[in-house]
Amino acid sequence: MKENLIDVLMFLFENYFYDEPEAIPDQDSLQASLLEAGFSPTEINKAFRWLEELADQRHRPALPVQSKARFRVFSFDEAAKLDTDCRGLLMFLGDTGILDSHHMELVMDRVMALENDEVDLEDLKWIVLMVLFNQPGQEEAYAWMENLVYDGVVDCTH
C-alpha cells in the first residue's frame, strides 16, 4: 500500500468519516485499524495531527471580507506545491462560490501542512472535500465537491 499522509487521510475519510460521522471510533481503535491496513505508525500520527489541526480551525473566526472581488496570489511555496491545474481548480471553486476566501485559506493551510513536495489534482480534491466536510454550514458546497471527487466531472478553464 502506498504510505503517505494523504493516503491515511483518504482511508480514514472513506472508511470512517464519510458514511457515519456520528459513529467514528475512538483514536485507539482507528489507530489499530490503520496499522492493520498496513500504514506506518509515523504516518498515522501525522494524519491524526493533521485532522486535529483541521478540527481546531472550526473555531477560528472567518476572515472579514473587504469586497466581493476574488483575487488570490499564491506564494512561491504554494505555487511550487500546486501545479497550474491545481491552482486553476482552486480559482474555479472560488469563482463558482464553492470556496469563499475563508475556506480557500483553510484549504491552503491544510495543503501546506502536508509534507509532500507536490500535491496532485486528485489529492487536492480530497483535501477540499475534507475541509468542507469539517465546516458547519457548507453542506451544499460539500455535496458539489463530493460529486467532483467521486464522479470526476468538472470543466474548469483557467
Protein backbone atom coordinates (compact mmCIF):
# COMPACT_ATOMS: atom_id res chain seq x y z
CA MET A 1 0.00 0.00 0.00
CA LYS A 2 1.20 3.50 -0.80
CA GLU A 3 2.12 5.07 2.50
CA ASN A 4 1.91 8.79 2.84
CA LEU A 5 -0.16 11.20 4.86
CA ILE A 6 -2.80 11.82 2.19
CA ASP A 7 -3.32 8.05 1.78
CA VAL A 8 -4.00 7.69 5.51
CA LEU A 9 -6.38 10.67 5.44
CA MET A 10 -8.27 9.31 2.44
CA PHE A 11 -8.53 5.87 4.06
CA LEU A 12 -9.96 7.40 7.23
CA PHE A 13 -12.37 9.62 5.33
CA GLU A 14 -13.68 6.87 3.06
CA ASN A 15 -13.94 4.21 5.76
CA TYR A 16 -14.99 6.15 8.86
CA PHE A 17 -15.99 9.77 8.35
CA TYR A 18 -17.93 9.64 5.09
CA ASP A 19 -20.75 7.18 5.81
CA GLU A 20 -21.41 7.62 9.51
CA PRO A 21 -19.57 10.57 11.04
CA GLU A 22 -21.51 10.17 14.29
CA ALA A 23 -20.15 6.62 14.77
CA ILE A 24 -16.43 7.37 14.47
CA PRO A 25 -14.49 5.02 16.75
CA ASP A 26 -12.02 6.34 19.30
CA GLN A 27 -8.46 7.17 18.27
CA ASP A 28 -7.03 3.89 19.63
CA SER A 29 -9.48 1.85 17.54
CA LEU A 30 -8.75 3.94 14.48
CA GLN A 31 -5.01 3.53 15.02
CA ALA A 32 -5.40 -0.25 15.32
CA SER A 33 -7.43 -0.35 12.09
CA LEU A 34 -4.85 1.76 10.28
CA LEU A 35 -1.99 -0.42 11.48
CA GLU A 36 -3.91 -3.48 10.34
CA ALA A 37 -4.40 -1.83 6.94
CA GLY A 38 -0.62 -1.51 6.61
CA PHE A 39 0.03 2.14 7.45
CA SER A 40 3.09 3.05 9.48
CA PRO A 41 2.72 4.49 13.00
CA THR A 42 4.58 7.62 11.88
CA GLU A 43 2.11 8.36 9.07
CA ILE A 44 -0.85 7.54 11.32
CA ASN A 45 0.34 10.04 13.94
CA LYS A 46 0.86 12.69 11.25
CA ALA A 47 -2.69 12.08 9.99
CA PHE A 48 -4.17 12.44 13.47
CA ARG A 49 -2.24 15.68 13.98
CA TRP A 50 -3.41 16.98 10.56
CA LEU A 51 -7.03 16.18 11.47
CA GLU A 52 -6.71 17.79 14.91
CA GLU A 53 -5.41 20.97 13.29
CA LEU A 54 -8.30 20.87 10.82
CA ALA A 55 -10.80 20.43 13.67
CA ASP A 56 -9.22 23.37 15.53
CA GLN A 57 -9.98 25.57 12.54
CA ARG A 58 -13.72 25.11 13.02
CA HIS A 59 -13.49 27.56 15.89
CA ARG A 60 -11.46 30.24 14.13
CA PRO A 61 -13.44 33.30 13.12
CA ALA A 62 -13.90 33.81 9.39
CA LEU A 63 -11.74 36.39 7.72
CA PRO A 64 -13.50 39.71 7.15
CA VAL A 65 -14.45 40.15 3.51
CA GLN A 66 -13.40 43.56 2.19
CA SER A 67 -15.02 43.20 -1.22
CA LYS A 68 -16.77 40.70 -3.44
CA ALA A 69 -13.87 40.74 -5.93
CA ARG A 70 -11.96 37.45 -5.94
CA PHE A 71 -8.22 37.60 -6.21
CA ARG A 72 -5.66 35.20 -4.77
CA VAL A 73 -1.91 35.43 -5.18
CA PHE A 74 -0.14 32.16 -4.48
CA SER A 75 3.15 32.37 -2.62
CA PHE A 76 6.26 30.82 -4.14
CA ASP A 77 5.95 27.81 -1.81
CA GLU A 78 2.25 27.37 -2.62
CA ALA A 79 2.90 27.59 -6.37
CA ALA A 80 5.70 25.04 -6.03
CA LYS A 81 3.39 22.62 -4.23
CA LEU A 82 0.35 23.15 -6.50
CA ASP A 83 0.73 22.95 -10.26
CA THR A 84 -1.26 25.08 -12.69
CA ASP A 85 -4.17 22.61 -12.82
CA CYS A 86 -4.47 22.61 -9.02
CA ARG A 87 -4.35 26.39 -8.81
CA GLY A 88 -6.89 26.56 -11.65
CA LEU A 89 -9.23 24.25 -9.75
CA LEU A 90 -8.97 26.40 -6.64
CA MET A 91 -9.74 29.54 -8.63
CA PHE A 92 -12.67 27.76 -10.30
CA LEU A 93 -14.01 26.70 -6.89
CA GLY A 94 -13.68 30.29 -5.70
CA ASP A 95 -15.33 31.75 -8.80
CA THR A 96 -18.29 29.36 -8.54
CA GLY A 97 -18.77 30.04 -4.84
CA ILE A 98 -17.79 26.58 -3.63
CA LEU A 99 -14.87 28.09 -1.71
CA ASP A 100 -15.14 31.56 -0.24
CA SER A 101 -11.99 33.43 0.82
CA HIS A 102 -12.06 31.96 4.32
CA HIS A 103 -12.41 28.37 3.14
CA MET A 104 -9.79 28.91 0.43
CA GLU A 105 -7.32 29.84 3.15
CA LEU A 106 -8.31 26.80 5.22
CA VAL A 107 -7.65 24.58 2.20
CA MET A 108 -4.31 26.24 1.58
CA ASP A 109 -3.36 25.80 5.23
CA ARG A 110 -4.12 22.07 5.05
CA VAL A 111 -2.29 21.71 1.71
CA MET A 112 0.79 23.39 3.10
CA ALA A 113 0.62 21.18 6.23
CA LEU A 114 1.25 18.14 4.02
CA GLU A 115 4.87 17.10 3.77
CA ASN A 116 4.55 16.32 0.06
CA ASP A 117 6.68 18.44 -2.26
CA GLU A 118 3.76 18.49 -4.70
CA VAL A 119 0.05 17.85 -4.35
CA ASP A 120 -1.72 16.45 -7.39
CA LEU A 121 -5.21 17.34 -8.57
CA GLU A 122 -6.90 14.25 -7.10
CA ASP A 123 -5.29 14.78 -3.70
CA LEU A 124 -6.31 18.44 -3.76
CA LYS A 125 -9.93 17.48 -4.44
CA TRP A 126 -9.85 15.23 -1.37
CA ILE A 127 -8.35 17.96 0.79
CA VAL A 128 -11.07 20.41 -0.29
CA LEU A 129 -13.70 17.76 0.43
CA MET A 130 -12.28 17.12 3.92
CA VAL A 131 -12.13 20.83 4.73
CA LEU A 132 -15.73 21.41 3.60
CA PHE A 133 -16.90 18.31 5.49
CA ASN A 134 -15.38 19.80 8.65
CA GLN A 135 -17.02 23.21 8.28
CA PRO A 136 -20.58 23.82 9.52
CA GLY A 137 -22.96 25.36 7.01
CA GLN A 138 -21.06 24.07 3.98
CA GLU A 139 -23.38 21.20 3.09
CA GLU A 140 -24.18 22.48 -0.41
CA ALA A 141 -20.53 23.15 -1.25
CA TYR A 142 -19.60 19.76 0.21
CA ALA A 143 -22.23 17.99 -1.93
CA TRP A 144 -20.92 19.70 -5.08
CA MET A 145 -17.34 18.80 -4.19
CA GLU A 146 -18.37 15.24 -3.37
CA ASN A 147 -19.71 14.87 -6.92
CA LEU A 148 -16.47 16.24 -8.28
CA VAL A 149 -14.37 13.79 -6.24
CA TYR A 150 -16.45 10.68 -6.88
CA ASP A 151 -17.69 11.43 -10.39
CA GLY A 152 -14.73 13.46 -11.59
CA VAL A 153 -16.93 15.76 -13.64
CA VAL A 154 -15.75 19.36 -13.92
CA ASP A 155 -14.91 21.75 -16.67
CA CYS A 156 -12.72 24.48 -15.27
CA THR A 157 -10.94 26.77 -17.63
CA HIS A 158 -8.06 28.81 -16.32
